[in-house]
Amino acid sequence: MKLVSRIRRRPSIPADDDEGTILIVTIGYAVLALVVILVRVDATSVYLEQKRLDTVVDAAVLAAADGFELAVTDGHPTARPT
């Protein structure tokens, strides 16, 4: 019975106290979501650019390796163009 009487004695919270706070929270979450999306897009762009660069470097190394023949002359390795 005492719990019920304590609940009834609690003063009511006026409805005007939280007016506008939902808008601020919504704007904050929207800004946070936009920042997360932009960071994710930039990270994906950097990753894809790195993969493209790795492919170009691998092709250049393969082309360079195909242009030479390795031989050992007098105990020293030499590269001769083919």
PDB file of N, CA and C in Angstrom:
ATOM      1  N   MET A   1       0.820  -1.196   0.000  1.00  0.00           N
ATOM      2  CA  MET A   1       0.000   0.000   0.000  1.00  0.00           C
ATOM      3  C   MET A   1       0.863   1.257   0.000  1.00  0.00           C
ATOM      4  N   LYS A   2       2.014   1.199   0.652  1.00  0.00           N
ATOM      5  CA  LYS A   2       2.867   2.379   0.709  1.00  0.00           C
ATOM      6  C   LYS A   2       3.428   2.710  -0.670  1.00  0.00           C
ATOM      7  N   LEU A   3       3.729   1.692  -1.469  1.00  0.00           N
ATOM      8  CA  LEU A   3       4.262   1.919  -2.808  1.00  0.00           C
ATOM      9  C   LEU A   3       3.241   2.639  -3.677  1.00  0.00           C
ATOM     10  N   VAL A   4       2.007   2.234  -3.576  1.00  0.00           N
ATOM     11  CA  VAL A   4       0.951   2.877  -4.349  1.00  0.00           C
ATOM     12  C   VAL A   4       0.791   4.326  -3.926  1.00  0.00           C
ATOM     13  N   SER A   5       0.910   4.595  -2.663  1.00  0.00           N
ATOM     14  CA  SER A   5       0.752   5.985  -2.212  1.00  0.00           C
ATOM     15  C   SER A   5       1.946   6.833  -2.647  1.00  0.00           C
ATOM     16  N   ARG A   6       3.160   6.252  -2.717  1.00  0.00           N
ATOM     17  CA  ARG A   6       4.319   6.999  -3.200  1.00  0.00           C
ATOM     18  C   ARG A   6       4.176   7.341  -4.677  1.00  0.00           C
ATOM     19  N   ILE A   7       3.655   6.417  -5.451  1.00  0.00           N
ATOM     20  CA  ILE A   7       3.470   6.675  -6.881  1.00  0.00           C
ATOM     21  C   ILE A   7       2.448   7.774  -7.085  1.00  0.00           C
ATOM     22  N   ARG A   8       1.437   7.771  -6.326  1.00  0.00           N
ATOM     23  CA  ARG A   8       0.393   8.796  -6.477  1.00  0.00           C
ATOM     24  C   ARG A   8       0.883  10.164  -6.038  1.00  0.00           C
ATOM     25  N   ARG A   9       1.855  10.209  -5.096  1.00  0.00           N
ATOM     26  CA  ARG A   9       2.342  11.496  -4.604  1.00  0.00           C
ATOM     27  C   ARG A   9       3.387  12.124  -5.527  1.00  0.00           C
ATOM     28  N   ARG A  10       3.924  11.348  -6.471  1.00  0.00           N
ATOM     29  CA  ARG A  10       4.956  11.886  -7.350  1.00  0.00           C
ATOM     30  C   ARG A  10       4.364  13.016  -8.185  1.00  0.00           C
ATOM     31  N   PRO A  11       5.078  14.131  -8.272  1.00  0.00           N
ATOM     32  CA  PRO A  11       4.534  15.241  -9.073  1.00  0.00           C
ATOM     33  C   PRO A  11       4.565  14.884 -10.561  1.00  0.00           C
ATOM     34  N   SER A  12       3.596  15.363 -11.258  1.00  0.00           N
ATOM     35  CA  SER A  12       3.535  15.074 -12.696  1.00  0.00           C
ATOM     36  C   SER A  12       4.549  15.940 -13.446  1.00  0.00           C
ATOM     37  N   ILE A  13       5.112  15.383 -14.505  1.00  0.00           N
ATOM     38  CA  ILE A  13       6.100  16.102 -15.312  1.00  0.00           C
ATOM     39  C   ILE A  13       5.351  16.887 -16.376  1.00  0.00           C
ATOM     40  N   PRO A  14       5.630  18.173 -16.457  1.00  0.00           N
ATOM     41  CA  PRO A  14       4.936  18.957 -17.481  1.00  0.00           C
ATOM     42  C   PRO A  14       5.346  18.504 -18.882  1.00  0.00           C
ATOM     43  N   ALA A  15       4.434  18.535 -19.819  1.00  0.00           N
ATOM     44  CA  ALA A  15       4.683  18.083 -21.185  1.00  0.00           C
ATOM     45  C   ALA A  15       5.589  19.048 -21.945  1.00  0.00           C
ATOM     46  N   ASP A  16       5.714  20.292 -21.503  1.00  0.00           N
ATOM     47  CA  ASP A  16       6.495  21.296 -22.219  1.00  0.00           C
ATOM     48  C   ASP A  16       7.999  21.131 -22.015  1.00  0.00           C
ATOM     49  N   ASP A  17       8.445  20.298 -21.074  1.00  0.00           N
ATOM     50  CA  ASP A  17       9.870  20.194 -20.765  1.00  0.00           C
ATOM     51  C   ASP A  17      10.683  19.513 -21.871  1.00  0.00           C
ATOM     52  N   ASP A  18      10.113  18.578 -22.589  1.00  0.00           N
ATOM     53  CA  ASP A  18      10.881  17.842 -23.587  1.00  0.00           C
ATOM     54  C   ASP A  18      10.557  18.269 -25.013  1.00  0.00           C
ATOM     55  N   GLU A  19       9.942  19.384 -25.167  1.00  0.00           N
ATOM     56  CA  GLU A  19       9.576  19.837 -26.507  1.00  0.00           C
ATOM     57  C   GLU A  19      10.821  20.235 -27.296  1.00  0.00           C
ATOM     58  N   GLY A  20      11.013  19.640 -28.477  1.00  0.00           N
ATOM     59  CA  GLY A  20      12.140  19.953 -29.337  1.00  0.00           C
ATOM     60  C   GLY A  20      13.327  19.026 -29.165  1.00  0.00           C
ATOM     61  N   THR A  21      13.366  18.232 -28.120  1.00  0.00           N
ATOM     62  CA  THR A  21      14.522  17.357 -27.913  1.00  0.00           C
ATOM     63  C   THR A  21      14.537  16.201 -28.903  1.00  0.00           C
ATOM     64  N   ILE A  22      13.376  15.749 -29.332  1.00  0.00           N
ATOM     65  CA  ILE A  22      13.326  14.660 -30.309  1.00  0.00           C
ATOM     66  C   ILE A  22      13.940  15.116 -31.628  1.00  0.00           C
ATOM     67  N   LEU A  23      13.700  16.341 -32.014  1.00  0.00           N
ATOM     68  CA  LEU A  23      14.272  16.874 -33.249  1.00  0.00           C
ATOM     69  C   LEU A  23      15.795  16.921 -33.163  1.00  0.00           C
ATOM     70  N   ILE A  24      16.332  17.334 -32.032  1.00  0.00           N
ATOM     71  CA  ILE A  24      17.781  17.410 -31.860  1.00  0.00           C
ATOM     72  C   ILE A  24      18.397  16.015 -31.910  1.00  0.00           C
ATOM     73  N   VAL A  25      17.783  15.056 -31.252  1.00  0.00           N
ATOM     74  CA  VAL A  25      18.289  13.682 -31.258  1.00  0.00           C
ATOM     75  C   VAL A  25      18.215  13.107 -32.668  1.00  0.00           C
ATOM     76  N   THR A  26      17.139  13.352 -33.375  1.00  0.00           N
ATOM     77  CA  THR A  26      16.985  12.851 -34.743  1.00  0.00           C
ATOM     78  C   THR A  26      18.036  13.453 -35.665  1.00  0.00           C
ATOM     79  N   ILE A  27      18.280  14.735 -35.552  1.00  0.00           N
ATOM     80  CA  ILE A  27      19.306  15.386 -36.372  1.00  0.00           C
ATOM     81  C   ILE A  27      20.682  14.825 -36.023  1.00  0.00           C
ATOM     82  N   GLY A  28      20.945  14.616 -34.754  1.00  0.00           N
ATOM     83  CA  GLY A  28      22.222  14.039 -34.341  1.00  0.00           C
ATOM     84  C   GLY A  28      22.436  12.649 -34.907  1.00  0.00           C
ATOM     85  N   TYR A  29      21.423  11.799 -34.851  1.00  0.00           N
ATOM     86  CA  TYR A  29      21.537  10.457 -35.411  1.00  0.00           C
ATOM     87  C   TYR A  29      21.686  10.497 -36.929  1.00  0.00           C
ATOM     88  N   ALA A  30      21.003  11.417 -37.585  1.00  0.00           N
ATOM     89  CA  ALA A  30      21.132  11.538 -39.042  1.00  0.00           C
ATOM     90  C   ALA A  30      22.545  11.959 -39.422  1.00  0.00           C
ATOM     91  N   VAL A  31      23.121  12.905 -38.686  1.00  0.00           N
ATOM     92  CA  VAL A  31      24.491  13.333 -38.955  1.00  0.00           C
ATOM     93  C   VAL A  31      25.466  12.185 -38.695  1.00  0.00           C
ATOM     94  N   LEU A  32      25.272  11.471 -37.623  1.00  0.00           N
ATOM     95  CA  LEU A  32      26.127  10.328 -37.306  1.00  0.00           C
ATOM     96  C   LEU A  32      26.037   9.250 -38.389  1.00  0.00           C
ATOM     97  N   ALA A  33      24.835   8.955 -38.852  1.00  0.00           N
ATOM     98  CA  ALA A  33      24.657   7.956 -39.910  1.00  0.00           C
ATOM     99  C   ALA A  33      25.321   8.412 -41.202  1.00  0.00           C
ATOM    100  N   LEU A  34      25.214   9.689 -41.527  1.00  0.00           N
ATOM    101  CA  LEU A  34      25.848  10.229 -42.729  1.00  0.00           C
ATOM    102  C   LEU A  34      27.367  10.126 -42.644  1.00  0.00           C
ATOM    103  N   VAL A  35      27.925  10.430 -41.493  1.00  0.00           N
ATOM    104  CA  VAL A  35      29.373  10.332 -41.306  1.00  0.00           C
ATOM    105  C   VAL A  35      29.830   8.885 -41.436  1.00  0.00           C
ATOM    106  N   VAL A  36      29.096   7.953 -40.853  1.00  0.00           N
ATOM    107  CA  VAL A  36      29.454   6.543 -40.944  1.00  0.00           C
ATOM    108  C   VAL A  36      29.399   6.068 -42.393  1.00  0.00           C
ATOM    109  N   ILE A  37      28.387   6.472 -43.121  1.00  0.00           N
ATOM    110  CA  ILE A  37      28.260   6.084 -44.529  1.00  0.00           C
ATOM    111  C   ILE A  37      29.413   6.655 -45.351  1.00  0.00           C
ATOM    112  N   LEU A  38      29.758   7.915 -45.141  1.00  0.00           N
ATOM    113  CA  LEU A  38      30.837   8.542 -45.903  1.00  0.00           C
ATOM    114  C   LEU A  38      32.186   7.891 -45.593  1.00  0.00           C
ATOM    115  N   VAL A  39      32.440   7.579 -44.345  1.00  0.00           N
ATOM    116  CA  VAL A  39      33.692   6.913 -43.983  1.00  0.00           C
ATOM    117  C   VAL A  39      33.750   5.527 -44.617  1.00  0.00           C
ATOM    118  N   ARG A  40      32.651   4.823 -44.619  1.00  0.00           N
ATOM    119  CA  ARG A  40      32.606   3.486 -45.214  1.00  0.00           C
ATOM    120  C   ARG A  40      32.851   3.541 -46.721  1.00  0.00           C
ATOM    121  N   VAL A  41      32.255   4.521 -47.390  1.00  0.00           N
ATOM    122  CA  VAL A  41      32.446   4.673 -48.835  1.00  0.00           C
ATOM    123  C   VAL A  41      33.904   5.016 -49.140  1.00  0.00           C
ATOM    124  N   ASP A  42      34.499   5.902 -48.362  1.00  0.00           N
ATOM    125  CA  ASP A  42      35.902   6.259 -48.577  1.00  0.00           C
ATOM    126  C   ASP A  42      36.821   5.071 -48.332  1.00  0.00           C
ATOM    127  N   ALA A  43      36.554   4.302 -47.307  1.00  0.00           N
ATOM    128  CA  ALA A  43      37.382   3.128 -47.027  1.00  0.00           C
ATOM    129  C   ALA A  43      37.264   2.100 -48.149  1.00  0.00           C
ATOM    130  N   THR A  44      36.085   1.918 -48.677  1.00  0.00           N
ATOM    131  CA  THR A  44      35.888   0.995 -49.789  1.00  0.00           C
ATOM    132  C   THR A  44      36.615   1.490 -51.031  1.00  0.00           C
ATOM    133  N   SER A  45      36.574   2.787 -51.274  1.00  0.00           N
ATOM    134  CA  SER A  45      37.271   3.366 -52.423  1.00  0.00           C
ATOM    135  C   SER A  45      38.774   3.153 -52.312  1.00  0.00           C
ATOM    136  N   VAL A  46      39.329   3.367 -51.135  1.00  0.00           N
ATOM    137  CA  VAL A  46      40.766   3.157 -50.930  1.00  0.00           C
ATOM    138  C   VAL A  46      41.116   1.690 -51.126  1.00  0.00           C
ATOM    139  N   TYR A  47      40.303   0.787 -50.622  1.00  0.00           N
ATOM    140  CA  TYR A  47      40.554  -0.648 -50.764  1.00  0.00           C
ATOM    141  C   TYR A  47      40.546  -1.060 -52.242  1.00  0.00           C
ATOM    142  N   LEU A  48      39.548  -0.588 -52.995  1.00  0.00           N
ATOM    143  CA  LEU A  48      39.474  -0.946 -54.409  1.00  0.00           C
ATOM    144  C   LEU A  48      40.637  -0.360 -55.199  1.00  0.00           C
ATOM    145  N   GLU A  49      41.053   0.854 -54.863  1.00  0.00           N
ATOM    146  CA  GLU A  49      42.202   1.465 -55.536  1.00  0.00           C
ATOM    147  C   GLU A  49      43.490   0.680 -55.236  1.00  0.00           C
ATOM    148  N   GLN A  50      43.627   0.206 -54.012  1.00  0.00           N
ATOM    149  CA  GLN A  50      44.791  -0.603 -53.663  1.00  0.00           C
ATOM    150  C   GLN A  50      44.800  -1.906 -54.456  1.00  0.00           C
ATOM    151  N   LYS A  51      43.645  -2.543 -54.604  1.00  0.00           N
ATOM    152  CA  LYS A  51      43.562  -3.783 -55.376  1.00  0.00           C
ATOM    153  C   LYS A  51      43.912  -3.533 -56.842  1.00  0.00           C
ATOM    154  N   ARG A  52      43.454  -2.409 -57.403  1.00  0.00           N
ATOM    155  CA  ARG A  52      43.770  -2.076 -58.787  1.00  0.00           C
ATOM    156  C   ARG A  52      45.267  -1.833 -58.948  1.00  0.00           C
ATOM    157  N   LEU A  53      45.862  -1.126 -58.006  1.00  0.00           N
ATOM    158  CA  LEU A  53      47.292  -0.863 -58.056  1.00  0.00           C
ATOM    159  C   LEU A  53      48.099  -2.156 -57.918  1.00  0.00           C
ATOM    160  N   ASP A  54      47.664  -3.065 -57.059  1.00  0.00           N
ATOM    161  CA  ASP A  54      48.335  -4.359 -56.922  1.00  0.00           C
ATOM    162  C   ASP A  54      48.302  -5.131 -58.239  1.00  0.00           C
ATOM    163  N   THR A  55      47.177  -5.067 -58.936  1.00  0.00           N
ATOM    164  CA  THR A  55      47.051  -5.753 -60.222  1.00  0.00           C
ATOM    165  C   THR A  55      47.999  -5.165 -61.254  1.00  0.00           C
ATOM    166  N   VAL A  56      48.103  -3.836 -61.298  1.00  0.00           N
ATOM    167  CA  VAL A  56      49.007  -3.171 -62.237  1.00  0.00           C
ATOM    168  C   VAL A  56      50.461  -3.535 -61.924  1.00  0.00           C
ATOM    169  N   VAL A  57      50.819  -3.526 -60.654  1.00  0.00           N
ATOM    170  CA  VAL A  57      52.192  -3.863 -60.262  1.00  0.00           C
ATOM    171  C   VAL A  57      52.503  -5.318 -60.597  1.00  0.00           C
ATOM    172  N   ASP A  58      51.577  -6.227 -60.349  1.00  0.00           N
ATOM    173  CA  ASP A  58      51.797  -7.637 -60.691  1.00  0.00           C
ATOM    174  C   ASP A  58      51.994  -7.820 -62.195  1.00  0.00           C
ATOM    175  N   ALA A  59      51.211  -7.098 -62.991  1.00  0.00           N
ATOM    176  CA  ALA A  59      51.361  -7.196 -64.445  1.00  0.00           C
ATOM    177  C   ALA A  59      52.711  -6.647 -64.892  1.00  0.00           C
ATOM    178  N   ALA A  60      53.151  -5.549 -64.281  1.00  0.00           N
ATOM    179  CA  ALA A  60      54.452  -4.973 -64.640  1.00  0.00           C
ATOM    180  C   ALA A  60      55.595  -5.910 -64.253  1.00  0.00           C
ATOM    181  N   VAL A  61      55.488  -6.534 -63.102  1.00  0.00           N
ATOM    182  CA  VAL A  61      56.532  -7.470 -62.663  1.00  0.00           C
ATOM    183  C   VAL A  61      56.561  -8.691 -63.574  1.00  0.00           C
ATOM    184  N   LEU A  62      55.413  -9.187 -63.955  1.00  0.00           N
ATOM    185  CA  LEU A  62      55.351 -10.341 -64.844  1.00  0.00           C
ATOM    186  C   LEU A  62      55.934 -10.002 -66.209  1.00  0.00           C
ATOM    187  N   ALA A  63      55.622  -8.831 -66.737  1.00  0.00           N
ATOM    188  CA  ALA A  63      56.165  -8.411 -68.029  1.00  0.00           C
ATOM    189  C   ALA A  63      57.683  -8.243 -67.948  1.00  0.00           C
ATOM    190  N   ALA A  64      58.168  -7.697 -66.858  1.00  0.00           N
ATOM    191  CA  ALA A  64      59.612  -7.515 -66.704  1.00  0.00           C
ATOM    192  C   ALA A  64      60.319  -8.856 -66.548  1.00  0.00           C
ATOM    193  N   ALA A  65      59.701  -9.778 -65.856  1.00  0.00           N
ATOM    194  CA  ALA A  65      60.325 -11.084 -65.655  1.00  0.00           C
ATOM    195  C   ALA A  65      60.365 -11.884 -66.950  1.00  0.00           C
ATOM    196  N   ASP A  66      59.394 -11.691 -67.816  1.00  0.00           N
ATOM    197  CA  ASP A  66      59.371 -12.411 -69.087  1.00  0.00           C
ATOM    198  C   ASP A  66      60.409 -11.868 -70.066  1.00  0.00           C
ATOM    199  N   GLY A  67      60.905 -10.673 -69.842  1.00  0.00           N
ATOM    200  CA  GLY A  67      61.842 -10.065 -70.775  1.00  0.00           C
ATOM    201  C   GLY A  67      63.294 -10.425 -70.518  1.00  0.00           C
ATOM    202  N   PHE A  68      63.580 -11.180 -69.484  1.00  0.00           N
ATOM    203  CA  PHE A  68      64.962 -11.512 -69.129  1.00  0.00           C
ATOM    204  C   PHE A  68      65.111 -13.007 -68.893  1.00  0.00           C
ATOM    205  N   GLU A  69      66.329 -13.475 -69.133  1.00  0.00           N
ATOM    206  CA  GLU A  69      66.655 -14.868 -68.844  1.00  0.00           C
ATOM    207  C   GLU A  69      67.793 -14.867 -67.831  1.00  0.00           C
ATOM    208  N   LEU A  70      67.625 -15.577 -66.741  1.00  0.00           N
ATOM    209  CA  LEU A  70      68.661 -15.623 -65.716  1.00  0.00           C
ATOM    210  C   LEU A  70      69.647 -16.745 -66.037  1.00  0.00           C
ATOM    211  N   ALA A  71      70.931 -16.423 -65.885  1.00  0.00           N
ATOM    212  CA  ALA A  71      71.977 -17.416 -66.140  1.00  0.00           C
ATOM    213  C   ALA A  71      73.087 -17.217 -65.120  1.00  0.00           C
ATOM    214  N   VAL A  72      73.831 -18.268 -64.850  1.00  0.00           N
ATOM    215  CA  VAL A  72      74.958 -18.190 -63.924  1.00  0.00           C
ATOM    216  C   VAL A  72      76.241 -18.258 -64.748  1.00  0.00           C
ATOM    217  N   THR A  73      77.046 -17.203 -64.667  1.00  0.00           N
ATOM    218  CA  THR A  73      78.306 -17.132 -65.398  1.00  0.00           C
ATOM    219  C   THR A  73      79.429 -16.928 -64.392  1.00  0.00           C
ATOM    220  N   ASP A  74      80.375 -17.829 -64.366  1.00  0.00           N
ATOM    221  CA  ASP A  74      81.502 -17.769 -63.436  1.00  0.00           C
ATOM    222  C   ASP A  74      81.064 -17.678 -61.976  1.00  0.00           C
ATOM    223  N   GLY A  75      79.997 -18.330 -61.648  1.00  0.00           N
ATOM    224  CA  GLY A  75      79.514 -18.353 -60.279  1.00  0.00           C
ATOM    225  C   GLY A  75      78.682 -17.130 -59.890  1.00  0.00           C
ATOM    226  N   HIS A  76      78.426 -16.228 -60.845  1.00  0.00           N
ATOM    227  CA  HIS A  76      77.624 -15.036 -60.557  1.00  0.00           C
ATOM    228  C   HIS A  76      76.369 -15.048 -61.423  1.00  0.00           C
ATOM    229  N   PRO A  77      75.231 -14.770 -60.816  1.00  0.00           N
ATOM    230  CA  PRO A  77      74.008 -14.747 -61.635  1.00  0.00           C
ATOM    231  C   PRO A  77      73.975 -13.494 -62.507  1.00  0.00           C
ATOM    232  N   THR A  78      73.523 -13.649 -63.725  1.00  0.00           N
ATOM    233  CA  THR A  78      73.384 -12.515 -64.644  1.00  0.00           C
ATOM    234  C   THR A  78      72.019 -12.605 -65.312  1.00  0.00           C
ATOM    235  N   ALA A  79      71.521 -11.469 -65.737  1.00  0.00           N
ATOM    236  CA  ALA A  79      70.240 -11.408 -66.447  1.00  0.00           C
ATOM    237  C   ALA A  79      70.522 -10.974 -67.875  1.00  0.00           C
ATOM    238  N   ARG A  80      70.120 -11.800 -68.826  1.00  0.00           N
ATOM    239  CA  ARG A  80      70.305 -11.492 -70.237  1.00  0.00           C
ATOM    240  C   ARG A  80      68.945 -11.225 -70.866  1.00  0.00           C
ATOM    241  N   PRO A  81      68.865 -10.161 -71.659  1.00  0.00           N
ATOM    242  CA  PRO A  81      67.573  -9.897 -72.349  1.00  0.00           C
ATOM    243  C   PRO A  81      67.287 -11.002 -73.367  1.00  0.00           C
ATOM    244  N   THR A  82      66.026 -11.329 -73.500  1.00  0.00           N
ATOM    245  CA  THR A  82      65.653 -12.376 -74.459  1.00  0.00           C
ATOM    246  C   THR A  82      65.161 -11.773 -75.751  1.00  0.00           C
TER     247      THR A  82
END
